[in-house]
Every structure is written in structure tokens, then in C-alpha cells.
């Protein structure tokens, strides 16, 4: 079992919170929030805090959108290549992410992605008018496409191609080898907008600033393991939007793995 995290300091608020969740220790969880750690914040679910979440995301995502609208030259005065620019935008986008426990509703991925788009558009950060593709749209692939070399979970950002006279939109992905791949929107396989993503899809990722929102009603999928996964995606800062009663309930529920192996072994012995 992994006992040491290299993503964050075990003595940090994130580290102490993760330990309490992993142990299912409700008393320890309460103590962590009382210690005033500067890297973790908690916001109960209220209308004001929901608006606060959206505004926080507008500010957090402004960095990659500003980089999208900037162009630089190399020391010889040559314009920045689209590969270099796309990589910079993707890196900036990867610093922050909103994680959701559920997919549907105002606390789920689908509802929050739509609300984040509208909030960014209201602040004139993106030119979004119910169009599927627009400059700055982040997406996550949801279906493997071996021909294109794109796979479930890959993140891309839609950008205007500065090297194209018409500045056509293309979706840029960073491949595992570090190379940048550009794909026309019409060729992108099944995907979804990725300002918010499910905790499940975030496994293996890490973000400097992680925001986590839990619905006010507990569902069977909201287990200790799921919350632990979400919290441990954070490297430097975590903002949790949830009712404390819901969080405490979640960390006392462990995932039940019903493989049927024990039953089959018992049958074999009979």
C-alpha cells in the first residue's frame, strides 16, 4: 500500500485531510478543519457559495484563456509556433480542475460545465453562444480512436490556428511523448466539455488547485475511496464545497467489491 505521497506534504492540510478520510476518522476530520490550514478551504452548500464556486473558477481559468490570446516571439524575432503556444495553454489549463461526484444535475459535471461556460462568457473570457466549438473550449475524449491516437481521458483545448490565414479552430492535445497533435473539430471522437470532470475520470491526474463539490444528498457512489481520490488530486490547494454532514457520511462508507470469488470458492469446496 502506498504510504507516502510525493504530490503533497503529509503534514499539510491536504495531507492531514487525506489521512483522516482514508482512515474513515470523523473526529480527526473535524480536527483538521479546526486547525486553520491555509491550503484547504471548506464551503457549505448554499446559493451564495455556489455562486462563489463559479466566480472562483472564472478567475482560476482566466490564466489559460489569457495565454490563448497572447503571442510571443523567440530570441530571433520569429513568431511563436502553434505547437509551443498550444503546449503553454494546455499546461496552464491543467493547473486547475473542478471535480464532481455525479454527472447530472446542478452539482454534476453536465450542469456545472454549462454554468461555467455561461459565467466565463458573461465575463467576456470566451465567445460562447450555445455553439459547440469556440476558442478556449477544453474537452476530454470519452471514446478511444486508435487511428488518431486519442484515447479515453485525453484532454484537449480548442484554439484558433495562428498559422492558418483563416485562423480555423483546431483542437490541440499533448501526447504521452510530449508532442502536440492538432485535430479538426469535425474529426474529434466522442468527447465532453472539461471545465468540470468526474472524480473517477481524474484518477492518475494532479492539479495545483483542485475544487471538489458534493451534492447535498448522499448517493451510493459517494464512498470513502471516491472522496479520498478527489482530495489526493490536489498538489497545492483544495477547495471543498459540501455539507459537512454529507462529507462525514461519505467517509464512513467503504466501497463494497462484489466479485463473487468467495461464493465460488465455497461452492467449489462443496
C-alpha atoms as a PDB file:
ATOM      1  CA  UNK A   1       0.000   0.000   0.000  1.00  0.00           C
ATOM      2  CA  UNK A   2       1.287   3.467  -0.870  1.00  0.00           C
ATOM      3  CA  UNK A   3       2.092   5.202   2.424  1.00  0.00           C
ATOM      4  CA  UNK A   4       3.937   8.301   1.189  1.00  0.00           C
ATOM      5  CA  UNK A   5       2.641  10.863  -1.287  1.00  0.00           C
ATOM      6  CA  UNK A   6       5.021  12.850  -3.444  1.00  0.00           C
ATOM      7  CA  UNK A   7       2.185  15.104  -4.641  1.00  0.00           C
ATOM      8  CA  UNK A   8       1.753  16.969  -1.345  1.00  0.00           C
ATOM      9  CA  UNK A   9       3.334  17.156   2.126  1.00  0.00           C
ATOM     10  CA  UNK A  10       1.733  14.708   4.557  1.00  0.00           C
ATOM     11  CA  UNK A  11       1.866  17.462   7.203  1.00  0.00           C
ATOM     12  CA  UNK A  12      -0.119  19.888   5.035  1.00  0.00           C
ATOM     13  CA  UNK A  13      -3.846  20.404   5.306  1.00  0.00           C
ATOM     14  CA  UNK A  14      -4.335  18.293   2.181  1.00  0.00           C
ATOM     15  CA  UNK A  15      -2.180  15.542   3.652  1.00  0.00           C
ATOM     16  CA  UNK A  16      -3.930  15.555   7.020  1.00  0.00           C
ATOM     17  CA  UNK A  17      -7.362  15.652   5.411  1.00  0.00           C
ATOM     18  CA  UNK A  18      -6.474  12.741   3.131  1.00  0.00           C
ATOM     19  CA  UNK A  19      -5.252  10.715   6.115  1.00  0.00           C
ATOM     20  CA  UNK A  20      -8.455  11.335   8.075  1.00  0.00           C
ATOM     21  CA  UNK A  21     -10.589  10.345   5.091  1.00  0.00           C
ATOM     22  CA  UNK A  22      -8.529   7.246   4.358  1.00  0.00           C
ATOM     23  CA  UNK A  23      -9.000   6.098   7.961  1.00  0.00           C
ATOM     24  CA  UNK A  24     -12.684   6.969   7.996  1.00  0.00           C
ATOM     25  CA  UNK A  25     -11.971   9.003  11.140  1.00  0.00           C
ATOM     26  CA  UNK A  26     -14.796  11.531  11.571  1.00  0.00           C
ATOM     27  CA  UNK A  27     -13.284  13.035  14.734  1.00  0.00           C
ATOM     28  CA  UNK A  28      -9.928  13.533  13.027  1.00  0.00           C
ATOM     29  CA  UNK A  29     -11.721  15.069  10.048  1.00  0.00           C
ATOM     30  CA  UNK A  30     -13.316  17.656  12.318  1.00  0.00           C
ATOM     31  CA  UNK A  31      -9.960  18.413  13.959  1.00  0.00           C
ATOM     32  CA  UNK A  32      -8.280  19.009  10.597  1.00  0.00           C
ATOM     33  CA  UNK A  33     -10.784  21.700   9.663  1.00  0.00           C
ATOM     34  CA  UNK A  34     -10.291  23.359  13.061  1.00  0.00           C
ATOM     35  CA  UNK A  35      -6.522  23.746  12.621  1.00  0.00           C
ATOM     36  CA  UNK A  36      -6.711  26.577  10.096  1.00  0.00           C
ATOM     37  CA  UNK A  37      -4.563  25.101   7.339  1.00  0.00           C
ATOM     38  CA  UNK A  38      -4.029  27.625   4.541  1.00  0.00           C
ATOM     39  CA  UNK A  39      -4.114  25.048   1.721  1.00  0.00           C
ATOM     40  CA  UNK A  40      -7.643  23.730   2.364  1.00  0.00           C
ATOM     41  CA  UNK A  41     -10.965  25.582   2.423  1.00  0.00           C
ATOM     42  CA  UNK A  42     -14.479  24.399   3.164  1.00  0.00           C
ATOM     43  CA  UNK A  43     -17.703  25.978   1.912  1.00  0.00           C
ATOM     44  CA  UNK A  44     -21.122  24.564   2.900  1.00  0.00           C
ATOM     45  CA  UNK A  45     -23.640  24.167   0.095  1.00  0.00           C
ATOM     46  CA  UNK A  46     -25.577  27.437  -0.156  1.00  0.00           C
ATOM     47  CA  UNK A  47     -26.709  29.617  -3.048  1.00  0.00           C
ATOM     48  CA  UNK A  48     -24.027  32.186  -2.217  1.00  0.00           C
ATOM     49  CA  UNK A  49     -21.288  29.575  -2.064  1.00  0.00           C
ATOM     50  CA  UNK A  50     -22.451  28.068  -5.356  1.00  0.00           C
ATOM     51  CA  UNK A  51     -22.003  31.479  -6.966  1.00  0.00           C
ATOM     52  CA  UNK A  52     -18.652  31.773  -5.183  1.00  0.00           C
ATOM     53  CA  UNK A  53     -17.595  28.477  -6.769  1.00  0.00           C
ATOM     54  CA  UNK A  54     -18.427  29.732 -10.260  1.00  0.00           C
ATOM     55  CA  UNK A  55     -16.612  33.029  -9.716  1.00  0.00           C
ATOM     56  CA  UNK A  56     -13.578  31.224  -8.311  1.00  0.00           C
ATOM     57  CA  UNK A  57     -13.472  29.059 -11.435  1.00  0.00           C
ATOM     58  CA  UNK A  58     -13.783  32.093 -13.721  1.00  0.00           C
ATOM     59  CA  UNK A  59     -10.720  33.567 -12.028  1.00  0.00           C
ATOM     60  CA  UNK A  60      -8.812  30.281 -11.970  1.00  0.00           C
ATOM     61  CA  UNK A  61      -9.439  29.518 -15.648  1.00  0.00           C
ATOM     62  CA  UNK A  62      -8.612  33.056 -16.779  1.00  0.00           C
ATOM     63  CA  UNK A  63      -4.924  32.127 -16.867  1.00  0.00           C
ATOM     64  CA  UNK A  64      -5.102  29.648 -19.727  1.00  0.00           C
ATOM     65  CA  UNK A  65      -7.568  31.855 -21.612  1.00  0.00           C
ATOM     66  CA  UNK A  66      -5.237  34.845 -21.332  1.00  0.00           C
ATOM     67  CA  UNK A  67      -2.374  32.696 -22.603  1.00  0.00           C
ATOM     68  CA  UNK A  68      -4.547  31.688 -25.565  1.00  0.00           C
ATOM     69  CA  UNK A  69      -4.823  35.347 -26.562  1.00  0.00           C
ATOM     70  CA  UNK A  70      -1.118  36.071 -26.209  1.00  0.00           C
ATOM     71  CA  UNK A  71       1.604  35.515 -28.777  1.00  0.00           C
ATOM     72  CA  UNK A  72       5.343  35.674 -28.239  1.00  0.00           C
ATOM     73  CA  UNK A  73       8.458  35.742 -30.379  1.00  0.00           C
ATOM     74  CA  UNK A  74      11.643  33.763 -29.911  1.00  0.00           C
ATOM     75  CA  UNK A  75      15.024  35.491 -29.325  1.00  0.00           C
ATOM     76  CA  UNK A  76      15.463  35.782 -33.116  1.00  0.00           C
ATOM     77  CA  UNK A  77      12.123  37.522 -33.521  1.00  0.00           C
ATOM     78  CA  UNK A  78      10.362  34.537 -35.051  1.00  0.00           C
ATOM     79  CA  UNK A  79       6.661  34.151 -34.173  1.00  0.00           C
ATOM     80  CA  UNK A  80       5.765  31.541 -31.600  1.00  0.00           C
ATOM     81  CA  UNK A  81       4.841  28.204 -33.160  1.00  0.00           C
ATOM     82  CA  UNK A  82       1.347  26.849 -32.620  1.00  0.00           C
ATOM     83  CA  UNK A  83       2.869  23.738 -31.042  1.00  0.00           C
ATOM     84  CA  UNK A  84       4.625  25.854 -28.417  1.00  0.00           C
ATOM     85  CA  UNK A  85       1.576  28.028 -27.811  1.00  0.00           C
ATOM     86  CA  UNK A  86      -0.784  25.053 -27.555  1.00  0.00           C
ATOM     87  CA  UNK A  87       1.514  23.340 -25.076  1.00  0.00           C
ATOM     88  CA  UNK A  88       1.624  26.501 -22.938  1.00  0.00           C
ATOM     89  CA  UNK A  89      -2.186  26.761 -22.996  1.00  0.00           C
ATOM     90  CA  UNK A  90      -2.630  23.085 -22.095  1.00  0.00           C
ATOM     91  CA  UNK A  91      -0.155  23.416 -19.231  1.00  0.00           C
ATOM     92  CA  UNK A  92      -1.962  26.490 -17.910  1.00  0.00           C
ATOM     93  CA  UNK A  93      -5.336  24.739 -18.140  1.00  0.00           C
ATOM     94  CA  UNK A  94      -4.037  21.693 -16.257  1.00  0.00           C
ATOM     95  CA  UNK A  95      -3.299  23.751 -13.137  1.00  0.00           C
ATOM     96  CA  UNK A  96      -6.934  23.839 -12.009  1.00  0.00           C
ATOM     97  CA  UNK A  97      -9.917  21.492 -12.188  1.00  0.00           C
ATOM     98  CA  UNK A  98     -13.367  21.105 -10.697  1.00  0.00           C
ATOM     99  CA  UNK A  99     -14.183  17.542  -9.633  1.00  0.00           C
ATOM    100  CA  UNK A 100     -17.735  16.240  -9.228  1.00  0.00           C
ATOM    101  CA  UNK A 101     -19.047  13.070  -7.649  1.00  0.00           C
ATOM    102  CA  UNK A 102     -22.019  12.824 -10.018  1.00  0.00           C
ATOM    103  CA  UNK A 103     -22.700  13.535 -13.678  1.00  0.00           C
ATOM    104  CA  UNK A 104     -26.178  15.077 -13.759  1.00  0.00           C
ATOM    105  CA  UNK A 105     -27.913  17.985 -12.068  1.00  0.00           C
ATOM    106  CA  UNK A 106     -26.632  21.323 -10.832  1.00  0.00           C
ATOM    107  CA  UNK A 107     -23.955  19.586  -8.740  1.00  0.00           C
ATOM    108  CA  UNK A 108     -22.854  17.280 -11.560  1.00  0.00           C
ATOM    109  CA  UNK A 109     -20.446  17.527 -14.465  1.00  0.00           C
ATOM    110  CA  UNK A 110     -23.056  18.312 -17.100  1.00  0.00           C
ATOM    111  CA  UNK A 111     -24.799  21.097 -15.212  1.00  0.00           C
ATOM    112  CA  UNK A 112     -21.613  22.699 -13.939  1.00  0.00           C
ATOM    113  CA  UNK A 113     -19.836  22.661 -17.296  1.00  0.00           C
ATOM    114  CA  UNK A 114     -22.768  24.586 -18.747  1.00  0.00           C
ATOM    115  CA  UNK A 115     -22.824  27.077 -15.863  1.00  0.00           C
ATOM    116  CA  UNK A 116     -19.061  27.615 -16.051  1.00  0.00           C
ATOM    117  CA  UNK A 117     -19.309  28.319 -19.792  1.00  0.00           C
ATOM    118  CA  UNK A 118     -22.028  30.878 -19.177  1.00  0.00           C
ATOM    119  CA  UNK A 119     -20.060  32.503 -16.340  1.00  0.00           C
ATOM    120  CA  UNK A 120     -16.928  32.770 -18.487  1.00  0.00           C
ATOM    121  CA  UNK A 121     -18.958  34.222 -21.351  1.00  0.00           C
ATOM    122  CA  UNK A 122     -20.581  36.760 -19.029  1.00  0.00           C
ATOM    123  CA  UNK A 123     -17.085  37.936 -18.076  1.00  0.00           C
ATOM    124  CA  UNK A 124     -16.128  38.002 -21.780  1.00  0.00           C
ATOM    125  CA  UNK A 125     -13.447  35.370 -21.213  1.00  0.00           C
ATOM    126  CA  UNK A 126     -14.863  33.216 -24.032  1.00  0.00           C
ATOM    127  CA  UNK A 127     -17.122  33.872 -27.025  1.00  0.00           C
ATOM    128  CA  UNK A 128     -19.770  31.301 -26.182  1.00  0.00           C
ATOM    129  CA  UNK A 129     -23.279  31.475 -27.607  1.00  0.00           C
ATOM    130  CA  UNK A 130     -24.597  27.933 -27.314  1.00  0.00           C
ATOM    131  CA  UNK A 131     -22.112  26.877 -30.007  1.00  0.00           C
ATOM    132  CA  UNK A 132     -20.387  23.542 -29.674  1.00  0.00           C
ATOM    133  CA  UNK A 133     -16.955  24.791 -30.680  1.00  0.00           C
ATOM    134  CA  UNK A 134     -15.353  28.047 -29.614  1.00  0.00           C
ATOM    135  CA  UNK A 135     -11.831  29.284 -28.911  1.00  0.00           C
ATOM    136  CA  UNK A 136     -10.762  28.114 -25.474  1.00  0.00           C
ATOM    137  CA  UNK A 137     -13.167  25.189 -25.124  1.00  0.00           C
ATOM    138  CA  UNK A 138     -11.479  22.387 -23.138  1.00  0.00           C
ATOM    139  CA  UNK A 139     -12.607  18.848 -23.884  1.00  0.00           C
ATOM    140  CA  UNK A 140     -11.990  15.316 -22.676  1.00  0.00           C
ATOM    141  CA  UNK A 141     -12.087  12.341 -25.023  1.00  0.00           C
ATOM    142  CA  UNK A 142     -14.636   9.717 -23.968  1.00  0.00           C
ATOM    143  CA  UNK A 143     -14.096   7.114 -26.700  1.00  0.00           C
ATOM    144  CA  UNK A 144     -10.830   5.633 -27.949  1.00  0.00           C
ATOM    145  CA  UNK A 145      -9.774   6.422 -31.507  1.00  0.00           C
ATOM    146  CA  UNK A 146      -6.714   4.361 -32.349  1.00  0.00           C
ATOM    147  CA  UNK A 147      -6.383   5.872 -35.820  1.00  0.00           C
ATOM    148  CA  UNK A 148      -5.992   9.369 -34.370  1.00  0.00           C
ATOM    149  CA  UNK A 149      -4.023   8.202 -31.359  1.00  0.00           C
ATOM    150  CA  UNK A 150      -6.552   9.746 -28.960  1.00  0.00           C
ATOM    151  CA  UNK A 151      -7.901   7.836 -26.002  1.00  0.00           C
ATOM    152  CA  UNK A 152     -10.491   7.994 -23.246  1.00  0.00           C
ATOM    153  CA  UNK A 153      -9.453  10.666 -20.755  1.00  0.00           C
ATOM    154  CA  UNK A 154      -7.190  12.683 -23.076  1.00  0.00           C
ATOM    155  CA  UNK A 155      -7.564  16.449 -22.604  1.00  0.00           C
ATOM    156  CA  UNK A 156      -7.524  18.952 -25.473  1.00  0.00           C
ATOM    157  CA  UNK A 157      -8.181  22.655 -25.918  1.00  0.00           C
ATOM    158  CA  UNK A 158      -9.793  24.261 -28.964  1.00  0.00           C
ATOM    159  CA  UNK A 159      -7.657  27.128 -30.317  1.00  0.00           C
ATOM    160  CA  UNK A 160      -7.533  29.244 -33.477  1.00  0.00           C
ATOM    161  CA  UNK A 161      -4.574  28.202 -35.633  1.00  0.00           C
ATOM    162  CA  UNK A 162      -2.352  31.288 -35.864  1.00  0.00           C
ATOM    163  CA  UNK A 163      -0.558  29.736 -38.841  1.00  0.00           C
ATOM    164  CA  UNK A 164      -3.782  29.437 -40.830  1.00  0.00           C
ATOM    165  CA  UNK A 165      -4.794  32.565 -42.841  1.00  0.00           C
ATOM    166  CA  UNK A 166      -8.408  31.938 -41.789  1.00  0.00           C
ATOM    167  CA  UNK A 167      -7.395  31.074 -38.190  1.00  0.00           C
ATOM    168  CA  UNK A 168      -9.506  27.938 -38.295  1.00  0.00           C
ATOM    169  CA  UNK A 169     -10.278  26.301 -34.979  1.00  0.00           C
ATOM    170  CA  UNK A 170      -8.354  23.159 -34.150  1.00  0.00           C
ATOM    171  CA  UNK A 171      -8.252  21.025 -31.025  1.00  0.00           C
ATOM    172  CA  UNK A 172      -4.766  20.559 -29.599  1.00  0.00           C
ATOM    173  CA  UNK A 173      -3.697  17.591 -27.480  1.00  0.00           C
ATOM    174  CA  UNK A 174      -0.411  16.803 -25.786  1.00  0.00           C
ATOM    175  CA  UNK A 175       0.536  13.188 -26.476  1.00  0.00           C
ATOM    176  CA  UNK A 176       2.355  10.964 -23.951  1.00  0.00           C
ATOM    177  CA  UNK A 177       5.665  11.593 -25.760  1.00  0.00           C
ATOM    178  CA  UNK A 178       5.250  15.350 -25.305  1.00  0.00           C
ATOM    179  CA  UNK A 179       4.356  16.093 -28.913  1.00  0.00           C
ATOM    180  CA  UNK A 180       1.358  18.284 -29.753  1.00  0.00           C
ATOM    181  CA  UNK A 181      -1.349  16.911 -32.026  1.00  0.00           C
ATOM    182  CA  UNK A 182      -3.865  19.173 -33.790  1.00  0.00           C
ATOM    183  CA  UNK A 183      -7.219  17.777 -34.890  1.00  0.00           C
ATOM    184  CA  UNK A 184     -10.043  19.496 -36.732  1.00  0.00           C
ATOM    185  CA  UNK A 185     -13.176  19.681 -34.551  1.00  0.00           C
ATOM    186  CA  UNK A 186     -15.118  17.625 -37.085  1.00  0.00           C
ATOM    187  CA  UNK A 187     -12.688  14.724 -36.579  1.00  0.00           C
ATOM    188  CA  UNK A 188     -12.581  14.712 -32.797  1.00  0.00           C
ATOM    189  CA  UNK A 189     -14.048  11.456 -31.438  1.00  0.00           C
ATOM    190  CA  UNK A 190     -16.756  11.347 -28.756  1.00  0.00           C
ATOM    191  CA  UNK A 191     -15.959  13.903 -26.083  1.00  0.00           C
ATOM    192  CA  UNK A 192     -17.351  16.280 -23.476  1.00  0.00           C
ATOM    193  CA  UNK A 193     -16.521  19.740 -22.168  1.00  0.00           C
ATOM    194  CA  UNK A 194     -13.932  19.508 -19.386  1.00  0.00           C
ATOM    195  CA  UNK A 195     -14.071  22.527 -17.085  1.00  0.00           C
ATOM    196  CA  UNK A 196     -15.553  20.012 -14.651  1.00  0.00           C
ATOM    197  CA  UNK A 197     -14.911  16.281 -14.646  1.00  0.00           C
ATOM    198  CA  UNK A 198     -15.954  13.309 -12.551  1.00  0.00           C
ATOM    199  CA  UNK A 199     -13.680  12.169  -9.743  1.00  0.00           C
ATOM    200  CA  UNK A 200     -13.483   8.802 -11.477  1.00  0.00           C
ATOM    201  CA  UNK A 201     -12.056  10.398 -14.632  1.00  0.00           C
ATOM    202  CA  UNK A 202      -9.486  12.332 -12.595  1.00  0.00           C
ATOM    203  CA  UNK A 203      -7.639   9.240 -11.385  1.00  0.00           C
ATOM    204  CA  UNK A 204      -3.962   9.495 -12.282  1.00  0.00           C
ATOM    205  CA  UNK A 205      -4.151  13.294 -12.674  1.00  0.00           C
ATOM    206  CA  UNK A 206      -2.964  16.078 -10.393  1.00  0.00           C
ATOM    207  CA  UNK A 207      -3.818  19.766 -10.235  1.00  0.00           C
ATOM    208  CA  UNK A 208      -2.231  22.664  -8.361  1.00  0.00           C
ATOM    209  CA  UNK A 209      -5.706  23.876  -7.413  1.00  0.00           C
ATOM    210  CA  UNK A 210      -8.458  21.288  -7.038  1.00  0.00           C
ATOM    211  CA  UNK A 211     -12.071  22.168  -6.353  1.00  0.00           C
ATOM    212  CA  UNK A 212     -14.437  19.440  -5.197  1.00  0.00           C
ATOM    213  CA  UNK A 213     -18.216  19.721  -4.988  1.00  0.00           C
ATOM    214  CA  UNK A 214     -20.523  17.149  -3.408  1.00  0.00           C
ATOM    215  CA  UNK A 215     -24.326  17.168  -3.804  1.00  0.00           C
ATOM    216  CA  UNK A 216     -26.390  17.747  -0.652  1.00  0.00           C
ATOM    217  CA  UNK A 217     -27.861  14.254  -0.890  1.00  0.00           C
ATOM    218  CA  UNK A 218     -25.632  11.214  -0.445  1.00  0.00           C
ATOM    219  CA  UNK A 219     -25.675   8.636  -3.236  1.00  0.00           C
ATOM    220  CA  UNK A 220     -24.285   5.071  -3.159  1.00  0.00           C
ATOM    221  CA  UNK A 221     -21.284   6.040  -5.307  1.00  0.00           C
ATOM    222  CA  UNK A 222     -20.088   8.635  -2.780  1.00  0.00           C
ATOM    223  CA  UNK A 223     -17.733   6.434  -0.786  1.00  0.00           C
ATOM    224  CA  UNK A 224     -14.588   6.944   1.269  1.00  0.00           C
ATOM    225  CA  UNK A 225     -12.433   5.819  -1.631  1.00  0.00           C
ATOM    226  CA  UNK A 226     -14.046   8.275  -4.034  1.00  0.00           C
ATOM    227  CA  UNK A 227     -13.573  11.263  -1.710  1.00  0.00           C
ATOM    228  CA  UNK A 228     -10.004  10.200  -0.962  1.00  0.00           C
ATOM    229  CA  UNK A 229      -9.259  10.037  -4.687  1.00  0.00           C
ATOM    230  CA  UNK A 230     -10.604  13.559  -5.175  1.00  0.00           C
ATOM    231  CA  UNK A 231      -8.696  15.103  -2.276  1.00  0.00           C
ATOM    232  CA  UNK A 232      -5.418  13.494  -3.308  1.00  0.00           C
ATOM    233  CA  UNK A 233      -5.597  15.032  -6.794  1.00  0.00           C
ATOM    234  CA  UNK A 234      -4.649  18.371  -5.180  1.00  0.00           C
ATOM    235  CA  UNK A 235      -0.996  19.405  -5.104  1.00  0.00           C
ATOM    236  CA  UNK A 236      -1.088  22.848  -3.517  1.00  0.00           C
ATOM    237  CA  UNK A 237      -4.652  23.913  -2.755  1.00  0.00           C
ATOM    238  CA  UNK A 238      -8.051  22.298  -2.225  1.00  0.00           C
ATOM    239  CA  UNK A 239     -11.453  23.966  -2.015  1.00  0.00           C
ATOM    240  CA  UNK A 240     -14.277  21.710  -0.855  1.00  0.00           C
ATOM    241  CA  UNK A 241     -17.892  22.694  -1.465  1.00  0.00           C
ATOM    242  CA  UNK A 242     -20.006  20.283   0.569  1.00  0.00           C
ATOM    243  CA  UNK A 243     -22.179  19.983   3.634  1.00  0.00           C
ATOM    244  CA  UNK A 244     -20.100  18.582   6.491  1.00  0.00           C
ATOM    245  CA  UNK A 245     -22.772  16.014   7.353  1.00  0.00           C
ATOM    246  CA  UNK A 246     -22.544  14.673   3.798  1.00  0.00           C
ATOM    247  CA  UNK A 247     -18.750  14.527   3.899  1.00  0.00           C
ATOM    248  CA  UNK A 248     -18.775  12.670   7.221  1.00  0.00           C
ATOM    249  CA  UNK A 249     -21.341  10.226   5.886  1.00  0.00           C
ATOM    250  CA  UNK A 250     -19.264   9.577   2.777  1.00  0.00           C
ATOM    251  CA  UNK A 251     -16.035   8.746   4.604  1.00  0.00           C
ATOM    252  CA  UNK A 252     -17.781   6.136   6.754  1.00  0.00           C
ATOM    253  CA  UNK A 253     -18.914   4.211   3.662  1.00  0.00           C
ATOM    254  CA  UNK A 254     -16.358   1.905   2.069  1.00  0.00           C
ATOM    255  CA  UNK A 255     -16.640   0.548  -1.459  1.00  0.00           C
ATOM    256  CA  UNK A 256     -18.010  -2.974  -1.465  1.00  0.00           C
ATOM    257  CA  UNK A 257     -16.343  -5.103  -4.062  1.00  0.00           C
ATOM    258  CA  UNK A 258     -18.776  -7.856  -5.029  1.00  0.00           C
ATOM    259  CA  UNK A 259     -16.579 -10.091  -7.170  1.00  0.00           C
ATOM    260  CA  UNK A 260     -18.356 -13.299  -6.092  1.00  0.00           C
ATOM    261  CA  UNK A 261     -14.987 -15.022  -5.626  1.00  0.00           C
ATOM    262  CA  UNK A 262     -15.688 -16.128  -2.053  1.00  0.00           C
ATOM    263  CA  UNK A 263     -19.035 -17.625  -3.043  1.00  0.00           C
ATOM    264  CA  UNK A 264     -17.499 -19.502  -5.946  1.00  0.00           C
ATOM    265  CA  UNK A 265     -14.697 -20.899  -3.768  1.00  0.00           C
ATOM    266  CA  UNK A 266     -17.220 -22.080  -1.204  1.00  0.00           C
ATOM    267  CA  UNK A 267     -19.248 -23.774  -3.932  1.00  0.00           C
ATOM    268  CA  UNK A 268     -16.119 -25.463  -5.244  1.00  0.00           C
ATOM    269  CA  UNK A 269     -15.344 -26.885  -1.792  1.00  0.00           C
ATOM    270  CA  UNK A 270     -18.879 -28.309  -1.589  1.00  0.00           C
END
